[in-house]
Protein backbone atom coordinates (compact mmCIF):
# COMPACT_ATOMS: atom_id res chain seq x y z
CA MET A 1 91.03 -47.41 -60.22
CA ASN A 2 90.16 -50.41 -58.05
CA TYR A 3 92.58 -53.23 -57.33
CA THR A 4 91.04 -56.52 -56.12
CA LYS A 5 92.27 -59.97 -55.26
CA THR A 6 91.29 -63.14 -53.41
CA PHE A 7 94.01 -64.60 -51.18
CA ASP A 8 94.67 -68.33 -50.79
CA CYS A 9 92.90 -68.36 -47.41
CA GLY A 10 89.70 -67.11 -49.10
CA LEU A 11 89.95 -63.52 -47.83
CA ARG A 12 88.93 -60.95 -50.42
CA PHE A 13 90.94 -57.77 -50.78
CA ALA A 14 90.05 -54.43 -52.38
CA PHE A 15 92.11 -51.27 -52.72
CA ARG A 16 91.70 -47.81 -54.20
CA ARG A 17 94.46 -45.23 -54.28
CA THR A 18 93.77 -41.63 -53.32
CA ARG A 19 95.91 -38.52 -52.75
CA SER A 20 94.65 -38.01 -49.22
CA GLN A 21 96.89 -38.25 -46.17
CA VAL A 22 94.06 -40.15 -44.48
CA ALA A 23 93.52 -43.89 -45.01
CA TYR A 24 90.23 -45.73 -44.57
CA THR A 25 89.95 -49.44 -43.91
CA ALA A 26 86.96 -51.76 -43.58
CA LEU A 27 86.70 -55.42 -42.64
CA ALA A 28 83.33 -56.71 -43.80
CA ILE A 29 82.16 -60.11 -42.55
CA GLN A 30 79.35 -61.84 -44.38
CA SER A 31 77.46 -62.68 -41.23
CA GLY A 32 74.58 -60.71 -39.79
CA THR A 33 71.19 -61.04 -38.21
CA ARG A 34 69.96 -63.69 -40.63
CA ASN A 35 72.90 -65.97 -39.71
CA GLU A 36 71.90 -66.19 -36.06
CA PRO A 37 70.63 -69.34 -34.32
CA GLU A 38 66.85 -69.02 -34.19
CA ASP A 39 66.70 -68.88 -30.38
CA LEU A 40 69.54 -66.36 -30.01
CA SER A 41 68.14 -63.31 -31.75
CA GLY A 42 70.53 -60.36 -31.40
CA ILE A 43 73.71 -62.42 -31.05
CA ALA A 44 75.27 -60.88 -34.20
CA HIS A 45 74.83 -57.37 -32.81
CA MET A 46 75.97 -58.46 -29.35
CA THR A 47 79.08 -59.99 -30.91
CA GLU A 48 79.85 -56.66 -32.59
CA HIS A 49 79.67 -54.92 -29.20
CA MET A 50 81.81 -57.56 -27.51
CA LEU A 51 84.58 -57.38 -30.12
CA PHE A 52 85.80 -54.26 -28.29
CA LYS A 53 85.76 -55.84 -24.82
CA GLY A 54 89.13 -57.53 -24.90
CA THR A 55 91.35 -59.61 -27.17
CA ALA A 56 94.07 -62.15 -26.49
CA LYS A 57 96.57 -59.33 -25.96
CA ARG A 58 94.58 -56.12 -25.34
CA THR A 59 92.19 -54.86 -22.70
CA PRO A 60 89.13 -52.80 -23.70
CA GLN A 61 91.01 -49.61 -22.80
CA GLN A 62 93.99 -50.62 -24.92
CA ILE A 63 91.68 -51.36 -27.86
CA SER A 64 90.13 -47.90 -27.56
CA ASN A 65 93.52 -46.24 -27.33
CA ARG A 66 95.20 -48.15 -30.16
CA LEU A 67 93.95 -45.83 -32.93
CA GLU A 68 92.63 -42.89 -30.93
CA MET A 69 96.15 -42.16 -29.61
CA LEU A 70 97.14 -41.80 -33.26
CA GLY A 71 94.28 -39.40 -33.98
CA GLY A 72 92.28 -42.12 -35.69
CA GLU A 73 88.86 -43.65 -35.23
CA LEU A 74 87.48 -47.19 -34.88
CA ASN A 75 83.86 -48.18 -35.36
CA ALA A 76 81.54 -51.04 -36.31
CA TYR A 77 77.97 -51.87 -37.25
CA THR A 78 75.72 -54.90 -37.70
CA ALA A 79 73.20 -55.36 -40.51
CA LYS A 80 70.92 -58.15 -41.69
CA GLU A 81 73.65 -59.81 -43.77
CA GLU A 82 76.97 -58.46 -42.57
CA THR A 83 79.04 -57.19 -39.65
CA VAL A 84 81.55 -54.46 -40.46
CA LEU A 85 84.57 -53.11 -38.57
CA TYR A 86 86.11 -49.95 -40.00
CA SER A 87 88.71 -47.34 -39.17
CA THR A 88 90.14 -43.97 -40.17
CA VAL A 89 93.85 -43.20 -39.63
CA LEU A 90 96.74 -41.28 -41.14
CA LYS A 91 98.16 -43.20 -44.09
CA GLU A 92 101.36 -44.08 -42.23
CA ASP A 93 99.26 -45.93 -39.63
CA THR A 94 97.33 -48.08 -42.12
CA ALA A 95 99.10 -51.29 -41.11
CA LYS A 96 98.23 -50.73 -37.44
CA ALA A 97 94.58 -50.16 -38.31
CA VAL A 98 94.31 -53.25 -40.52
CA ASP A 99 96.05 -55.42 -37.95
CA LEU A 100 93.67 -54.22 -35.23
CA LEU A 101 90.61 -55.08 -37.32
CA PHE A 102 91.83 -58.65 -37.79
CA GLU A 103 92.86 -58.91 -34.13
CA LEU A 104 89.34 -58.00 -33.06
CA ALA A 105 87.72 -60.41 -35.51
CA PHE A 106 89.96 -63.39 -34.74
CA THR A 107 91.14 -63.06 -31.12
CA SER A 108 88.40 -61.32 -29.13
CA THR A 109 87.82 -63.18 -25.86
CA TYR A 110 84.17 -62.33 -25.01
CA PRO A 111 84.60 -62.35 -21.20
CA GLN A 112 81.39 -63.19 -19.35
CA LYS A 113 81.81 -60.29 -16.92
CA GLU A 114 81.97 -57.79 -19.78
CA LEU A 115 79.06 -59.53 -21.50
CA ASP A 116 76.86 -59.14 -18.43
CA LYS A 117 77.56 -55.40 -18.44
CA GLU A 118 77.14 -54.98 -22.18
CA ARG A 119 73.83 -56.83 -22.14
CA CYS A 120 72.41 -54.01 -20.01
CA VAL A 121 73.72 -51.46 -22.53
CA VAL A 122 72.03 -53.24 -25.46
CA ILE A 123 68.75 -53.66 -23.56
CA ASP A 124 68.84 -49.92 -22.90
CA GLU A 125 69.49 -49.43 -26.62
CA ILE A 126 66.40 -51.53 -27.41
CA ASN A 127 64.26 -49.45 -25.05
CA MET A 128 65.58 -46.19 -26.55
CA TYR A 129 64.83 -47.55 -30.02
CA LYS A 130 61.25 -48.35 -29.01
CA ASP A 131 60.89 -44.73 -27.87
CA SER A 132 61.67 -43.57 -31.42
CA PRO A 133 58.69 -44.55 -33.60
CA SER A 134 60.22 -42.98 -36.70
CA GLU A 135 63.01 -45.59 -36.44
CA CYS A 136 61.34 -48.70 -35.03
CA ILE A 137 58.51 -48.54 -37.58
CA PHE A 138 61.01 -49.73 -40.22
CA GLU A 139 61.92 -52.80 -38.17
CA GLU A 140 58.26 -53.63 -37.57
CA PHE A 141 57.43 -53.23 -41.25
CA GLU A 142 60.25 -55.59 -42.27
CA ARG A 143 59.10 -58.10 -39.68
CA LEU A 144 55.61 -58.13 -41.14
CA LEU A 145 56.96 -58.18 -44.69
CA PHE A 146 59.48 -61.01 -44.34
CA GLU A 147 58.26 -63.26 -41.51
CA PRO A 148 58.75 -66.13 -40.91
CA GLY A 149 62.05 -65.75 -42.84
CA THR A 150 65.37 -64.72 -41.36
CA LEU A 151 65.11 -61.17 -42.76
CA ALA A 152 62.27 -60.56 -40.29
CA ARG A 153 64.58 -60.78 -37.30
CA PRO A 154 65.32 -57.59 -35.31
CA ILE A 155 68.98 -56.58 -35.41
CA LEU A 156 69.07 -55.71 -31.70
CA GLY A 157 67.27 -58.90 -30.64
CA THR A 158 64.87 -58.93 -27.70
CA THR A 159 65.38 -58.62 -23.96
CA ARG A 160 64.41 -62.27 -23.58
CA SER A 161 66.74 -63.59 -26.29
CA LEU A 162 69.68 -61.49 -25.06
CA ARG A 163 69.43 -63.06 -21.61
CA LYS A 164 70.09 -66.48 -23.21
CA ILE A 165 73.41 -65.39 -24.72
CA ASP A 166 76.59 -66.32 -22.85
CA SER A 167 80.28 -66.18 -23.75
CA GLU A 168 80.34 -69.69 -25.19
CA ALA A 169 77.39 -68.86 -27.47
CA LEU A 170 79.33 -65.86 -28.79
CA ARG A 171 82.43 -67.97 -29.40
CA SER A 172 80.39 -70.62 -31.19
CA TYR A 173 78.75 -68.00 -33.41
CA VAL A 174 82.14 -66.50 -34.27
CA ARG A 175 83.72 -69.90 -35.01
CA ASP A 176 80.92 -70.69 -37.43
CA ASN A 177 80.84 -67.33 -39.22
CA PHE A 178 84.02 -65.26 -38.80
CA ARG A 179 86.04 -67.18 -41.38
CA PRO A 180 88.42 -65.70 -43.98
CA GLU A 181 86.27 -66.85 -46.91
CA ASN A 182 83.39 -64.84 -45.41
CA MET A 183 85.46 -61.65 -45.20
CA CYS A 184 86.75 -58.78 -47.28
CA ILE A 185 89.34 -56.21 -46.23
CA SER A 186 89.26 -52.92 -48.14
CA ILE A 187 91.79 -50.09 -48.01
CA VAL A 188 91.41 -46.59 -49.45
CA GLY A 189 94.48 -44.40 -49.16
CA ASN A 190 97.62 -42.90 -50.63
CA LEU A 191 99.57 -46.17 -50.92
CA THR A 192 100.69 -48.32 -53.81
CA PRO A 193 98.54 -51.40 -54.51
CA GLN A 194 101.54 -53.57 -53.68
CA ARG A 195 102.02 -51.90 -50.29
CA ALA A 196 98.31 -52.17 -49.45
CA GLU A 197 98.24 -55.85 -50.43
CA LYS A 198 101.32 -56.57 -48.33
CA ILE A 199 99.71 -54.88 -45.31
CA ALA A 200 96.60 -57.02 -45.67
CA LEU A 201 98.55 -60.26 -46.21
CA GLN A 202 100.87 -59.70 -43.27
CA ALA A 203 97.95 -58.87 -40.99
CA VAL A 204 95.78 -61.86 -41.85
CA ALA A 205 98.78 -64.21 -41.72
CA LYS A 206 99.07 -63.52 -37.97
CA TYR A 207 95.65 -65.02 -37.35
CA VAL A 208 95.03 -67.59 -40.11
CA PRO A 209 97.29 -70.67 -40.46
CA ALA A 210 99.26 -70.93 -43.70
CA ASP A 211 97.64 -74.31 -44.46
CA TYR A 212 94.09 -73.05 -43.89
CA VAL A 213 91.68 -74.39 -46.54
CA PRO A 214 88.67 -72.12 -47.14
CA ALA A 215 85.24 -73.68 -47.38
CA PRO A 216 83.49 -73.41 -50.76
CA ARG A 217 81.33 -70.33 -51.02
CA PRO A 218 77.59 -70.98 -51.29
CA GLN A 219 76.13 -70.65 -54.75
CA ARG A 220 74.72 -67.24 -55.57
CA PRO A 221 70.90 -67.16 -55.45
CA THR A 222 69.29 -67.15 -58.88
CA PRO A 223 67.10 -64.08 -59.45
CA ALA A 224 63.48 -65.07 -59.72
CA ASP A 225 60.23 -63.33 -60.46
CA LEU A 226 58.77 -61.50 -57.51
CA ALA A 227 56.97 -63.90 -55.24
CA PRO A 228 53.58 -62.91 -53.82
CA CYS A 229 54.21 -60.83 -50.72
CA PRO A 230 52.10 -60.71 -47.58
CA ARG A 231 49.72 -57.78 -47.74
CA PHE A 232 48.74 -55.97 -44.57
CA ASN A 233 47.20 -52.72 -43.45
CA LYS A 234 47.99 -52.33 -39.80
CA GLU A 235 47.65 -49.55 -37.26
CA VAL A 236 49.55 -49.54 -33.96
CA ALA A 237 48.61 -47.22 -31.11
CA LYS A 238 51.72 -45.33 -29.96
CA LYS A 239 50.10 -42.22 -28.46
CA ASN A 240 52.63 -39.93 -30.09
CA HIS A 241 52.05 -36.43 -31.35
CA GLN A 242 53.17 -37.38 -34.86
CA ILE A 243 51.74 -40.08 -37.09
CA ASN A 244 54.41 -42.30 -38.68
CA CYS A 245 53.52 -44.25 -41.80
CA ILE A 246 55.24 -46.67 -44.20
CA ILE A 247 53.80 -47.83 -47.50
CA GLY A 248 55.88 -50.57 -49.11
CA THR A 249 56.42 -54.03 -50.51
CA THR A 250 59.04 -56.61 -51.41
CA ALA A 251 61.38 -55.88 -54.31
CA TYR A 252 64.36 -57.22 -56.28
CA SER A 253 67.56 -58.67 -54.82
CA TYR A 254 71.20 -57.69 -55.40
CA TYR A 255 71.44 -60.17 -58.23
CA ASP A 256 68.50 -58.97 -60.31
CA GLU A 257 69.49 -56.55 -63.07
CA ARG A 258 66.17 -54.75 -62.66
CA ARG A 259 67.45 -53.37 -59.36
CA MET A 260 68.86 -50.37 -61.26
CA GLU A 261 65.34 -49.32 -62.18
CA MET A 262 64.31 -49.58 -58.53
CA ILE A 263 67.27 -47.47 -57.42
CA LEU A 264 66.21 -44.78 -59.88
CA LEU A 265 62.54 -45.02 -58.86
CA ALA A 266 63.42 -44.62 -55.18
CA ASN A 267 65.55 -41.57 -55.93
CA LEU A 268 62.90 -40.08 -58.19
CA LEU A 269 60.12 -40.56 -55.66
CA GLY A 270 61.83 -39.76 -52.37
CA GLY A 271 65.57 -39.36 -52.72
CA PRO A 272 67.68 -36.81 -50.83
CA GLY A 273 66.97 -34.06 -53.35
CA ALA A 274 64.34 -31.48 -52.40
CA ASN A 275 62.96 -31.91 -55.92
CA SER A 276 61.88 -35.52 -55.34
CA ARG A 277 58.28 -36.07 -56.41
CA LEU A 278 56.93 -36.94 -52.99
CA ASN A 279 58.76 -34.09 -51.26
CA GLN A 280 57.36 -31.65 -53.79
CA LYS A 281 53.83 -33.04 -53.52
CA LEU A 282 53.53 -33.68 -49.78
CA ARG A 283 55.73 -30.94 -48.36
CA GLU A 284 56.41 -28.11 -50.77
CA LYS A 285 53.02 -27.94 -52.46
CA ASN A 286 50.66 -29.05 -49.69
CA ALA A 287 52.70 -28.58 -46.46
CA LEU A 288 51.44 -31.90 -45.08
CA VAL A 289 54.74 -33.35 -43.80
CA TYR A 290 58.13 -32.26 -42.53
CA SER A 291 59.91 -35.08 -44.34
CA VAL A 292 59.17 -37.95 -46.72
CA ASP A 293 61.54 -40.41 -48.31
CA ALA A 294 61.67 -43.59 -50.39
CA SER A 295 64.21 -46.37 -49.95
CA PHE A 296 65.13 -49.51 -51.87
CA THR A 297 67.05 -52.04 -49.75
CA GLN A 298 68.59 -55.11 -51.35
CA PHE A 299 69.47 -58.48 -49.86
CA ALA A 300 70.89 -61.70 -51.32
CA ASP A 301 67.49 -63.19 -52.13
CA ALA A 302 64.98 -60.36 -51.74
CA GLY A 303 64.56 -56.62 -51.34
CA SER A 304 62.21 -54.02 -49.93
CA PHE A 305 60.84 -50.77 -51.34
CA LEU A 306 59.52 -48.44 -48.65
CA ILE A 307 58.01 -44.96 -48.58
CA TYR A 308 58.04 -43.28 -45.17
CA PHE A 309 56.51 -40.05 -43.93
CA GLY A 310 55.52 -38.45 -40.64
CA CYS A 311 52.54 -36.11 -40.39
CA GLU A 312 49.85 -34.65 -38.17
CA LYS A 313 46.86 -36.97 -37.63
CA PRO A 314 44.38 -34.89 -39.71
CA ASN A 315 46.76 -35.09 -42.70
CA LEU A 316 47.20 -38.87 -42.76
CA ASP A 317 44.51 -39.84 -45.25
CA ARG A 318 45.48 -37.06 -47.65
CA CYS A 319 49.17 -38.08 -47.49
CA ILE A 320 48.34 -41.71 -48.24
CA GLU A 321 46.14 -40.61 -51.15
CA LEU A 322 48.92 -38.48 -52.64
CA VAL A 323 51.53 -41.26 -52.29
CA HIS A 324 49.28 -43.73 -54.07
CA GLY A 325 48.60 -41.12 -56.73
CA GLU A 326 52.31 -40.69 -57.50
CA LEU A 327 52.79 -44.46 -57.67
CA ALA A 328 49.84 -44.77 -60.03
CA LEU A 329 51.36 -42.14 -62.34
CA LEU A 330 54.58 -44.15 -62.60
CA ARG A 331 52.65 -47.34 -63.34
CA GLU A 332 50.28 -45.85 -65.89
CA LYS A 333 52.45 -43.50 -67.92
CA PRO A 334 56.10 -43.84 -69.03
CA LEU A 335 58.40 -41.04 -67.97
CA SER A 336 59.20 -38.60 -70.77
CA GLU A 337 62.68 -38.80 -72.28
CA SER A 338 63.60 -35.39 -70.86
CA ALA A 339 62.35 -36.27 -67.36
CA LEU A 340 64.23 -39.56 -67.46
CA ARG A 341 67.41 -37.82 -68.59
CA ALA A 342 67.15 -35.39 -65.68
CA ALA A 343 66.50 -38.22 -63.21
CA LYS A 344 69.55 -40.14 -64.45
CA LYS A 345 71.74 -37.05 -64.32
CA GLN A 346 70.72 -36.37 -60.73
CA LEU A 347 71.34 -39.96 -59.61
CA LEU A 348 74.72 -40.14 -61.31
CA GLY A 349 75.72 -36.84 -59.71
CA GLN A 350 74.68 -38.03 -56.26
CA LEU A 351 76.63 -41.28 -56.69
CA ALA A 352 79.74 -39.34 -57.77
CA VAL A 353 79.53 -37.01 -54.78
CA ALA A 354 79.01 -39.93 -52.38
CA SER A 355 81.94 -41.87 -53.84
CA ASP A 356 84.26 -38.92 -53.17
CA ASN A 357 84.14 -39.81 -49.46
CA GLY A 358 86.95 -42.21 -48.49
CA GLU A 359 85.05 -43.93 -45.71
CA SER A 360 82.04 -44.49 -47.97
CA GLN A 361 84.36 -45.92 -50.62
CA ALA A 362 85.95 -48.39 -48.21
CA LEU A 363 82.59 -49.58 -46.90
CA SER A 364 81.07 -49.82 -50.38
CA MET A 365 84.05 -51.68 -51.83
CA ALA A 366 84.07 -54.28 -49.05
CA LYS A 367 80.33 -54.83 -49.38
CA SER A 368 80.55 -55.14 -53.16
CA MET A 369 83.30 -57.75 -52.91
CA LEU A 370 81.23 -59.82 -50.48
CA VAL A 371 78.08 -59.60 -52.57
CA PHE A 372 79.43 -59.75 -56.13
CA GLY A 373 83.06 -60.82 -55.80
CA GLU A 374 84.04 -57.71 -57.75
CA ILE A 375 83.70 -53.94 -57.80
CA LEU A 376 81.88 -52.52 -60.77
CA PRO A 377 83.89 -49.77 -62.46
CA ASP A 378 82.23 -46.35 -62.38
CA GLU A 379 81.85 -46.55 -66.16
CA GLU A 380 79.84 -49.78 -65.87
CA VAL A 381 77.56 -48.32 -63.21
CA ARG A 382 76.97 -45.34 -65.48
CA ARG A 383 76.29 -47.62 -68.45
CA ARG A 384 73.68 -49.60 -66.53
CA ILE A 385 71.92 -46.46 -65.36
CA GLU A 386 72.02 -44.91 -68.82
CA ALA A 387 70.52 -48.14 -70.24
CA ILE A 388 67.28 -47.55 -68.31
CA THR A 389 64.44 -46.65 -70.67
CA PRO A 390 61.02 -45.12 -69.98
CA GLU A 391 59.53 -48.55 -70.75
CA SER A 392 61.84 -50.52 -68.43
CA LEU A 393 61.21 -48.03 -65.62
CA GLN A 394 57.47 -48.34 -66.11
CA ARG A 395 57.68 -52.15 -66.16
CA ALA A 396 59.52 -52.10 -62.83
CA ALA A 397 56.89 -49.79 -61.33
CA VAL A 398 54.07 -52.01 -62.61
CA SER A 399 55.75 -55.17 -61.33
CA VAL A 400 56.93 -54.05 -57.89
CA LEU A 401 54.62 -51.16 -57.02
CA ALA A 402 51.34 -52.71 -58.14
CA GLU A 403 48.41 -51.60 -56.01
CA ASP A 404 47.67 -55.15 -54.84
CA ARG A 405 51.28 -55.61 -53.61
CA LEU A 406 51.42 -52.55 -51.35
CA SER A 407 51.10 -52.76 -47.58
CA THR A 408 50.71 -50.02 -44.99
CA LEU A 409 51.88 -49.73 -41.40
CA ILE A 410 50.82 -46.76 -39.27
CA PHE A 411 52.08 -45.77 -35.82
CA LYS A 412 49.52 -43.36 -34.37
């Protein structure tokens, strides 16, 4: 059972009790790539790196040792709409882990000397990323799909934009975005809700004044019909042995109830199961690819639905033909009741297995609180999935995956 609350300072809190001796914590901050100043692309990701380079009372080495000396772990990541710090520790060290997350978020010092060194690390990361076409093709596709909007921005930034970032720019970005009302702390562990809440309150109280008044949260975007999306068919010469291809389009946001249909369609077409339609058609039956997958990514005001595969050059046209054929089947003919039942059963099983992981729970709970202000009970998630009908699934396929909405990007 989930326990949630919003503190007076605006910080959101989520807790789930387990029987494990390990506790998982996550501090999610509703600030990512799309919150960056236009001329400082990559500053959100650079800030994440620099959080570990010294605080008001700890050196980088002391930060690293704080949880590792206890057998725990500390990590972070940056996405388009959030930055997340998270940890894994023994349950008796939960308070230390939570306090460290807030210390990093509120008192990191961003020393220029460390920034100059870390800039080289991130530039090397960018160059490594460019050497992996199966990864950077996703970033390029989203750029083409969402430009000139903020979702088109690369998470890592560019070499040119990173050179513009100094310590004061980092501090300014943090002052504007790392605010309690933009945060959620989640704890998953063998504690009482009261103990977990006390840990969170005591930790945040060290860094946020008692008289702090949170700013009003922005109004949630109203779901709208899918806007026309840019259509492109682009080939980029990469001179690699393998062809990498994405076929995709824009899709629904977090706040559109039809997103459940898209989640099911993505799983049906190219989910992790070997029985996904595209895996069966492209790999198992025709041996054209090593892997193929479909993904549905949601944002506050938009979404993307992408199908990715890598293949040998002679197989490209046949792969594209088969992908379009599967999409046409979903648009033209409703799924049978038995096929839909099986698809729902598989998705529900996968969600249950994934939710059994404490770290995944902590990350998911924090994200859900930021996006929705609540955590949907498992029973409600099941109800919404079970409510999908053959007709509603077909309508989603017709609306989102229409032939004239699909774009293609090929790295060859």
